[in-house]
Amino acid sequence: MPSVKNISLGPHAQERLDELVKKAKASSASEAVRNALRFYEYVIEESLAGAEFFVKHKGEEPTKIKFIF
């Protein structure tokens, strides 16, 4: 059974979450947060295992992404 957690977000963070829900076409803020947590967990686990992450824009060279955690 799912556990209910209450979190407090400032106005800017709430706006960012609302935009993320729209962009991700998530059914709810909860779905967007769950997906974000899965991604964050993946990035941390892979980084700790030695993986590197890059972003590549069309027509440009890849740029390494540095995560802070």
C-alpha atoms as a PDB file:
ATOM      1  CA  MET A   1       0.000   0.000   0.000  1.00  0.00           C
ATOM      2  CA  PRO A   2       1.395   3.419  -0.930  1.00  0.00           C
ATOM      3  CA  SER A   3       2.611   5.678   1.817  1.00  0.00           C
ATOM      4  CA  VAL A   4       1.459   9.286   1.832  1.00  0.00           C
ATOM      5  CA  LYS A   5       4.146  11.928   2.368  1.00  0.00           C
ATOM      6  CA  ASN A   6       3.540  15.639   2.667  1.00  0.00           C
ATOM      7  CA  ILE A   7       6.192  17.987   1.374  1.00  0.00           C
ATOM      8  CA  SER A   8       6.380  21.751   1.456  1.00  0.00           C
ATOM      9  CA  LEU A   9       7.341  23.577  -1.706  1.00  0.00           C
ATOM     10  CA  GLY A  10       7.969  27.252  -2.107  1.00  0.00           C
ATOM     11  CA  PRO A  11       6.101  29.069  -4.868  1.00  0.00           C
ATOM     12  CA  HIS A  12       8.978  28.743  -7.372  1.00  0.00           C
ATOM     13  CA  ALA A  13       9.413  25.021  -6.692  1.00  0.00           C
ATOM     14  CA  GLN A  14       5.658  24.495  -7.060  1.00  0.00           C
ATOM     15  CA  GLU A  15       5.710  26.285 -10.423  1.00  0.00           C
ATOM     16  CA  ARG A  16       8.631  24.106 -11.545  1.00  0.00           C
ATOM     17  CA  LEU A  17       6.801  20.946 -10.498  1.00  0.00           C
ATOM     18  CA  ASP A  18       3.638  22.056 -12.290  1.00  0.00           C
ATOM     19  CA  GLU A  19       5.645  22.708 -15.471  1.00  0.00           C
ATOM     20  CA  LEU A  20       7.375  19.340 -15.154  1.00  0.00           C
ATOM     21  CA  VAL A  21       4.009  17.593 -14.889  1.00  0.00           C
ATOM     22  CA  LYS A  22       2.889  19.288 -18.117  1.00  0.00           C
ATOM     23  CA  LYS A  23       6.122  18.664 -20.033  1.00  0.00           C
ATOM     24  CA  ALA A  24       6.298  15.018 -18.952  1.00  0.00           C
ATOM     25  CA  LYS A  25       2.572  14.558 -19.598  1.00  0.00           C
ATOM     26  CA  ALA A  26       2.364  12.987 -16.151  1.00  0.00           C
ATOM     27  CA  SER A  27      -1.049  12.173 -14.769  1.00  0.00           C
ATOM     28  CA  SER A  28      -0.232  13.918 -11.480  1.00  0.00           C
ATOM     29  CA  ALA A  29       2.468  15.647  -9.485  1.00  0.00           C
ATOM     30  CA  SER A  30       2.931  12.370  -7.601  1.00  0.00           C
ATOM     31  CA  GLU A  31       3.714  10.529 -10.826  1.00  0.00           C
ATOM     32  CA  ALA A  32       6.219  13.204 -11.842  1.00  0.00           C
ATOM     33  CA  VAL A  33       7.940  13.033  -8.445  1.00  0.00           C
ATOM     34  CA  ARG A  34       8.079   9.211  -8.533  1.00  0.00           C
ATOM     35  CA  ASN A  35       9.655   9.314 -12.004  1.00  0.00           C
ATOM     36  CA  ALA A  36      12.107  11.998 -10.920  1.00  0.00           C
ATOM     37  CA  LEU A  37      13.132   9.906  -7.918  1.00  0.00           C
ATOM     38  CA  ARG A  38      13.700   6.859 -10.135  1.00  0.00           C
ATOM     39  CA  PHE A  39      15.879   8.899 -12.466  1.00  0.00           C
ATOM     40  CA  TYR A  40      17.826  10.499  -9.603  1.00  0.00           C
ATOM     41  CA  GLU A  41      18.428   7.097  -8.021  1.00  0.00           C
ATOM     42  CA  TYR A  42      19.654   5.744 -11.374  1.00  0.00           C
ATOM     43  CA  VAL A  43      22.053   8.658 -11.864  1.00  0.00           C
ATOM     44  CA  ILE A  44      23.498   8.284  -8.367  1.00  0.00           C
ATOM     45  CA  GLU A  45      23.903   4.505  -8.602  1.00  0.00           C
ATOM     46  CA  GLU A  46      25.505   4.642 -12.037  1.00  0.00           C
ATOM     47  CA  SER A  47      27.774   7.553 -11.054  1.00  0.00           C
ATOM     48  CA  LEU A  48      28.959   5.660  -7.981  1.00  0.00           C
ATOM     49  CA  ALA A  49      29.705   2.694 -10.268  1.00  0.00           C
ATOM     50  CA  GLY A  50      31.929   4.912 -12.418  1.00  0.00           C
ATOM     51  CA  ALA A  51      29.552   5.930 -15.218  1.00  0.00           C
ATOM     52  CA  GLU A  52      29.790   9.335 -16.851  1.00  0.00           C
ATOM     53  CA  PHE A  53      26.853  11.216 -18.349  1.00  0.00           C
ATOM     54  CA  PHE A  54      26.889  13.489 -21.365  1.00  0.00           C
ATOM     55  CA  VAL A  55      24.465  15.743 -23.190  1.00  0.00           C
ATOM     56  CA  LYS A  56      24.706  16.244 -26.938  1.00  0.00           C
ATOM     57  CA  HIS A  57      22.813  18.935 -28.771  1.00  0.00           C
ATOM     58  CA  LYS A  58      22.291  18.611 -32.494  1.00  0.00           C
ATOM     59  CA  GLY A  59      25.382  19.784 -34.353  1.00  0.00           C
ATOM     60  CA  GLU A  60      27.482  20.098 -31.196  1.00  0.00           C
ATOM     61  CA  GLU A  61      30.035  17.979 -29.391  1.00  0.00           C
ATOM     62  CA  PRO A  62      28.965  16.065 -26.279  1.00  0.00           C
ATOM     63  CA  THR A  63      29.410  17.879 -22.974  1.00  0.00           C
ATOM     64  CA  LYS A  64      29.988  15.968 -19.755  1.00  0.00           C
ATOM     65  CA  ILE A  65      27.343  16.506 -17.091  1.00  0.00           C
ATOM     66  CA  LYS A  66      28.601  16.963 -13.539  1.00  0.00           C
ATOM     67  CA  PHE A  67      26.079  15.949 -10.901  1.00  0.00           C
ATOM     68  CA  ILE A  68      26.375  17.224  -7.351  1.00  0.00           C
ATOM     69  CA  PHE A  69      25.249  14.899  -4.578  1.00  0.00           C
END
